[in-house]
Every structure is written in structure tokens, then in C-alpha cells.
Amino acid sequence: MATKRRVTCVNHDRDGDVTHIGNKTEWGIVDKQTAIAQIESGTYHYYVCQPGTNPTAIEVVSGPTGKYLRTVADGQKANNLDNLSEC
């Protein structure tokens, strides 16, 4: 079973795409490619949980330019990766 890791910060490139996710106080920062491999292998289950919201899983999605990370839509903007602070 995958170990759960709460994500509290992200880094973006100039286009606004997520390049890293992290939690500096609990486990550090990993790049997007590592996080994708860990999710797909079942090693880690990454999620976002902001105050006043429910935990929201981070999933791997295949897009026109390759795989990327996003949170599962739940109608709560605070749980979106783009709304987290920079690492």
C-alpha cells in the first residue's frame, strides 16, 4: 500500500506548469518526473489538504506534451496545486 504524503508547496516553470511538489517540514521536495513515477508505481499517494477542505488526491494525467500532475476536481479552489505556495 502506498505511503501518503501531504503536499504543501509547488514550484512552477515560466509557463505555469508544475515542476516540483513538496512539504519542506515533513519529507522535502521532489521533481515532477519523480512524483509521477512514485504515483504510478504505488510507492506514494500524494494529496493536498488545506485548512477547511477535504484531502484531495494528486493524479497523473497524460496531455499533449506528456504526463503532468493535477488534483482531483472537488470544487474547492484551495486544494488546487496552482493555489499552493512556492517551495
N, C-alpha and C. Protein backbone atom coordinates (compact mmCIF):
# COMPACT_ATOMS: atom_id res chain seq x y z
N MET A 1 0.84 -1.19 0.00
CA MET A 1 0.00 0.00 0.00
C MET A 1 0.88 1.24 0.00
N ALA A 2 0.47 2.24 -0.75
CA ALA A 2 1.23 3.47 -0.90
C ALA A 2 1.27 4.28 0.41
N THR A 3 2.42 4.87 0.67
CA THR A 3 2.57 5.79 1.79
C THR A 3 1.98 7.13 1.39
N LYS A 4 1.22 7.75 2.29
CA LYS A 4 0.59 9.03 1.97
C LYS A 4 1.54 10.18 2.28
N ARG A 5 1.58 11.14 1.36
CA ARG A 5 2.41 12.34 1.53
C ARG A 5 1.56 13.58 1.23
N ARG A 6 1.45 14.44 2.22
CA ARG A 6 0.73 15.70 2.04
C ARG A 6 1.62 16.71 1.34
N VAL A 7 1.09 17.34 0.30
CA VAL A 7 1.81 18.36 -0.46
C VAL A 7 1.37 19.74 0.03
N THR A 8 2.34 20.58 0.39
CA THR A 8 2.02 21.92 0.89
C THR A 8 2.59 23.04 0.03
N CYS A 9 3.45 22.68 -0.95
CA CYS A 9 4.03 23.71 -1.81
C CYS A 9 4.36 23.12 -3.18
N VAL A 10 4.50 23.98 -4.16
CA VAL A 10 4.85 23.57 -5.52
C VAL A 10 5.80 24.59 -6.12
N ASN A 11 6.50 24.18 -7.16
CA ASN A 11 7.28 25.10 -7.99
C ASN A 11 6.73 25.03 -9.40
N HIS A 12 6.78 26.16 -10.09
CA HIS A 12 6.27 26.25 -11.47
C HIS A 12 7.37 26.73 -12.40
N ASP A 13 7.25 26.37 -13.67
CA ASP A 13 8.14 26.94 -14.68
C ASP A 13 7.54 28.25 -15.19
N ARG A 14 8.18 28.87 -16.18
CA ARG A 14 7.70 30.16 -16.71
C ARG A 14 6.33 30.07 -17.35
N ASP A 15 5.95 28.87 -17.80
CA ASP A 15 4.63 28.68 -18.42
C ASP A 15 3.55 28.40 -17.39
N GLY A 16 3.93 28.28 -16.11
CA GLY A 16 2.97 28.00 -15.06
C GLY A 16 2.75 26.52 -14.80
N ASP A 17 3.55 25.65 -15.45
CA ASP A 17 3.42 24.21 -15.24
C ASP A 17 4.15 23.80 -13.97
N VAL A 18 3.59 22.86 -13.23
CA VAL A 18 4.20 22.37 -12.01
C VAL A 18 5.47 21.59 -12.35
N THR A 19 6.58 21.96 -11.70
CA THR A 19 7.85 21.27 -11.91
C THR A 19 8.28 20.46 -10.69
N HIS A 20 7.84 20.84 -9.50
CA HIS A 20 8.19 20.18 -8.26
C HIS A 20 7.00 20.25 -7.30
N ILE A 21 6.87 19.26 -6.43
CA ILE A 21 5.90 19.31 -5.33
C ILE A 21 6.65 19.02 -4.05
N GLY A 22 6.13 19.51 -2.93
CA GLY A 22 6.87 19.27 -1.70
C GLY A 22 6.11 19.55 -0.43
N ASN A 23 6.79 19.22 0.65
CA ASN A 23 6.37 19.53 2.01
C ASN A 23 7.68 19.66 2.78
N LYS A 24 8.18 20.87 2.87
CA LYS A 24 9.52 21.11 3.40
C LYS A 24 9.71 20.64 4.83
N THR A 25 8.65 20.62 5.64
CA THR A 25 8.79 20.23 7.04
C THR A 25 8.68 18.74 7.27
N GLU A 26 8.09 17.99 6.32
CA GLU A 26 7.89 16.56 6.55
C GLU A 26 8.76 15.64 5.69
N TRP A 27 8.89 15.91 4.39
CA TRP A 27 9.63 14.99 3.53
C TRP A 27 10.43 15.65 2.42
N GLY A 28 10.41 16.95 2.28
CA GLY A 28 11.24 17.63 1.29
C GLY A 28 10.51 17.96 0.00
N ILE A 29 11.25 17.99 -1.10
CA ILE A 29 10.72 18.39 -2.41
C ILE A 29 11.16 17.35 -3.44
N VAL A 30 10.24 16.98 -4.34
CA VAL A 30 10.59 16.06 -5.44
C VAL A 30 10.19 16.71 -6.76
N ASP A 31 10.93 16.37 -7.81
CA ASP A 31 10.58 16.90 -9.13
C ASP A 31 9.37 16.15 -9.69
N LYS A 32 8.76 16.75 -10.68
CA LYS A 32 7.53 16.21 -11.28
C LYS A 32 7.73 14.78 -11.77
N GLN A 33 8.82 14.51 -12.46
CA GLN A 33 9.05 13.18 -13.02
C GLN A 33 9.14 12.12 -11.93
N THR A 34 9.81 12.44 -10.84
CA THR A 34 9.93 11.50 -9.72
C THR A 34 8.56 11.26 -9.09
N ALA A 35 7.80 12.32 -8.87
CA ALA A 35 6.46 12.18 -8.29
C ALA A 35 5.56 11.33 -9.18
N ILE A 36 5.62 11.55 -10.48
CA ILE A 36 4.81 10.76 -11.43
C ILE A 36 5.18 9.28 -11.32
N ALA A 37 6.47 8.97 -11.31
CA ALA A 37 6.93 7.58 -11.20
C ALA A 37 6.48 6.96 -9.88
N GLN A 38 6.55 7.73 -8.79
CA GLN A 38 6.16 7.22 -7.48
C GLN A 38 4.65 6.96 -7.40
N ILE A 39 3.86 7.82 -7.99
CA ILE A 39 2.40 7.62 -8.01
C ILE A 39 2.06 6.41 -8.85
N GLU A 40 2.64 6.33 -10.03
CA GLU A 40 2.33 5.22 -10.95
C GLU A 40 2.78 3.86 -10.41
N SER A 41 3.87 3.84 -9.65
CA SER A 41 4.35 2.58 -9.09
C SER A 41 3.64 2.20 -7.79
N GLY A 42 2.86 3.15 -7.25
CA GLY A 42 2.16 2.88 -5.99
C GLY A 42 3.02 3.09 -4.76
N THR A 43 4.20 3.69 -4.93
CA THR A 43 5.09 3.95 -3.80
C THR A 43 4.51 5.01 -2.87
N TYR A 44 4.04 6.11 -3.45
CA TYR A 44 3.47 7.20 -2.67
C TYR A 44 2.12 7.62 -3.23
N HIS A 45 1.28 8.07 -2.33
CA HIS A 45 -0.01 8.68 -2.67
C HIS A 45 0.11 10.13 -2.21
N TYR A 46 0.20 11.06 -3.15
CA TYR A 46 0.31 12.47 -2.82
C TYR A 46 -1.08 13.10 -2.77
N TYR A 47 -1.26 14.04 -1.84
CA TYR A 47 -2.55 14.71 -1.70
C TYR A 47 -2.35 16.12 -1.18
N VAL A 48 -3.38 16.94 -1.37
CA VAL A 48 -3.41 18.31 -0.86
C VAL A 48 -4.56 18.40 0.15
N CYS A 49 -4.30 19.05 1.27
CA CYS A 49 -5.36 19.27 2.26
C CYS A 49 -5.11 20.62 2.92
N GLN A 50 -5.82 21.62 2.47
CA GLN A 50 -5.72 22.95 3.03
C GLN A 50 -6.72 23.09 4.18
N PRO A 51 -6.48 24.02 5.11
CA PRO A 51 -7.43 24.22 6.21
C PRO A 51 -8.85 24.45 5.68
N GLY A 52 -9.80 23.75 6.27
CA GLY A 52 -11.20 23.90 5.90
C GLY A 52 -11.61 23.13 4.66
N THR A 53 -10.72 22.27 4.14
CA THR A 53 -11.04 21.48 2.95
C THR A 53 -10.81 20.00 3.24
N ASN A 54 -11.34 19.17 2.38
CA ASN A 54 -11.10 17.73 2.47
C ASN A 54 -9.83 17.38 1.71
N PRO A 55 -9.15 16.29 2.08
CA PRO A 55 -7.98 15.86 1.31
C PRO A 55 -8.36 15.58 -0.15
N THR A 56 -7.49 16.02 -1.05
CA THR A 56 -7.72 15.83 -2.48
C THR A 56 -6.49 15.17 -3.08
N ALA A 57 -6.69 14.05 -3.74
CA ALA A 57 -5.59 13.29 -4.32
C ALA A 57 -4.95 14.03 -5.49
N ILE A 58 -3.66 13.80 -5.66
CA ILE A 58 -2.94 14.28 -6.84
C ILE A 58 -2.85 13.10 -7.79
N GLU A 59 -3.22 13.32 -9.04
CA GLU A 59 -3.22 12.25 -10.03
C GLU A 59 -2.30 12.59 -11.19
N VAL A 60 -1.93 11.56 -11.92
CA VAL A 60 -1.11 11.71 -13.12
C VAL A 60 -2.05 11.71 -14.32
N VAL A 61 -1.86 12.70 -15.19
CA VAL A 61 -2.70 12.85 -16.37
C VAL A 61 -1.80 12.91 -17.60
N SER A 62 -2.20 12.26 -18.67
CA SER A 62 -1.46 12.34 -19.93
C SER A 62 -2.04 13.46 -20.78
N GLY A 63 -1.18 14.40 -21.17
CA GLY A 63 -1.61 15.52 -22.00
C GLY A 63 -0.85 15.52 -23.32
N PRO A 64 -1.11 16.51 -24.15
CA PRO A 64 -0.46 16.57 -25.46
C PRO A 64 1.05 16.72 -25.40
N THR A 65 1.58 17.24 -24.29
CA THR A 65 3.03 17.41 -24.16
C THR A 65 3.64 16.44 -23.15
N GLY A 66 2.90 15.43 -22.74
CA GLY A 66 3.41 14.44 -21.80
C GLY A 66 2.58 14.38 -20.53
N LYS A 67 3.09 13.67 -19.56
CA LYS A 67 2.38 13.48 -18.30
C LYS A 67 2.56 14.69 -17.40
N TYR A 68 1.51 14.98 -16.62
CA TYR A 68 1.59 16.06 -15.65
C TYR A 68 0.77 15.70 -14.43
N LEU A 69 0.90 16.53 -13.39
CA LEU A 69 0.21 16.31 -12.12
C LEU A 69 -0.95 17.29 -11.98
N ARG A 70 -2.04 16.80 -11.39
CA ARG A 70 -3.15 17.70 -11.06
C ARG A 70 -3.92 17.09 -9.90
N THR A 71 -4.66 17.93 -9.21
CA THR A 71 -5.51 17.43 -8.14
C THR A 71 -6.84 16.98 -8.74
N VAL A 72 -7.46 16.03 -8.07
CA VAL A 72 -8.79 15.56 -8.48
C VAL A 72 -9.78 16.68 -8.20
N ALA A 73 -10.57 17.03 -9.19
CA ALA A 73 -11.53 18.13 -9.05
C ALA A 73 -12.53 17.83 -7.93
N ASP A 74 -12.66 18.78 -7.01
CA ASP A 74 -13.63 18.60 -5.93
C ASP A 74 -14.41 19.89 -5.64
N GLY A 75 -14.24 20.90 -6.48
CA GLY A 75 -14.98 22.15 -6.30
C GLY A 75 -14.39 23.08 -5.26
N GLN A 76 -13.24 22.72 -4.67
CA GLN A 76 -12.61 23.57 -3.66
C GLN A 76 -11.32 24.13 -4.23
N LYS A 77 -11.30 25.42 -4.54
CA LYS A 77 -10.13 26.03 -5.18
C LYS A 77 -8.88 25.97 -4.32
N ALA A 78 -9.02 26.00 -3.00
CA ALA A 78 -7.85 25.99 -2.12
C ALA A 78 -7.05 24.70 -2.25
N ASN A 79 -7.67 23.63 -2.73
CA ASN A 79 -6.99 22.35 -2.88
C ASN A 79 -6.29 22.19 -4.22
N ASN A 80 -6.33 23.17 -5.08
CA ASN A 80 -5.67 23.08 -6.38
C ASN A 80 -4.17 23.29 -6.23
N LEU A 81 -3.37 22.53 -6.98
CA LEU A 81 -1.92 22.70 -6.91
C LEU A 81 -1.49 24.13 -7.20
N ASP A 82 -2.16 24.77 -8.15
CA ASP A 82 -1.78 26.13 -8.52
C ASP A 82 -2.03 27.15 -7.41
N ASN A 83 -2.79 26.80 -6.40
CA ASN A 83 -3.07 27.72 -5.31
C ASN A 83 -2.16 27.52 -4.11
N LEU A 84 -1.25 26.57 -4.19
CA LEU A 84 -0.30 26.36 -3.08
C LEU A 84 0.87 27.34 -3.23
N SER A 85 1.55 27.59 -2.13
CA SER A 85 2.70 28.49 -2.16
C SER A 85 3.88 27.82 -2.85
N GLU A 86 4.82 28.64 -3.29
CA GLU A 86 6.04 28.13 -3.93
C GLU A 86 6.93 27.50 -2.85
N CYS A 87 7.65 26.45 -3.23
CA CYS A 87 8.54 25.75 -2.29
C CYS A 87 9.80 26.55 -2.02
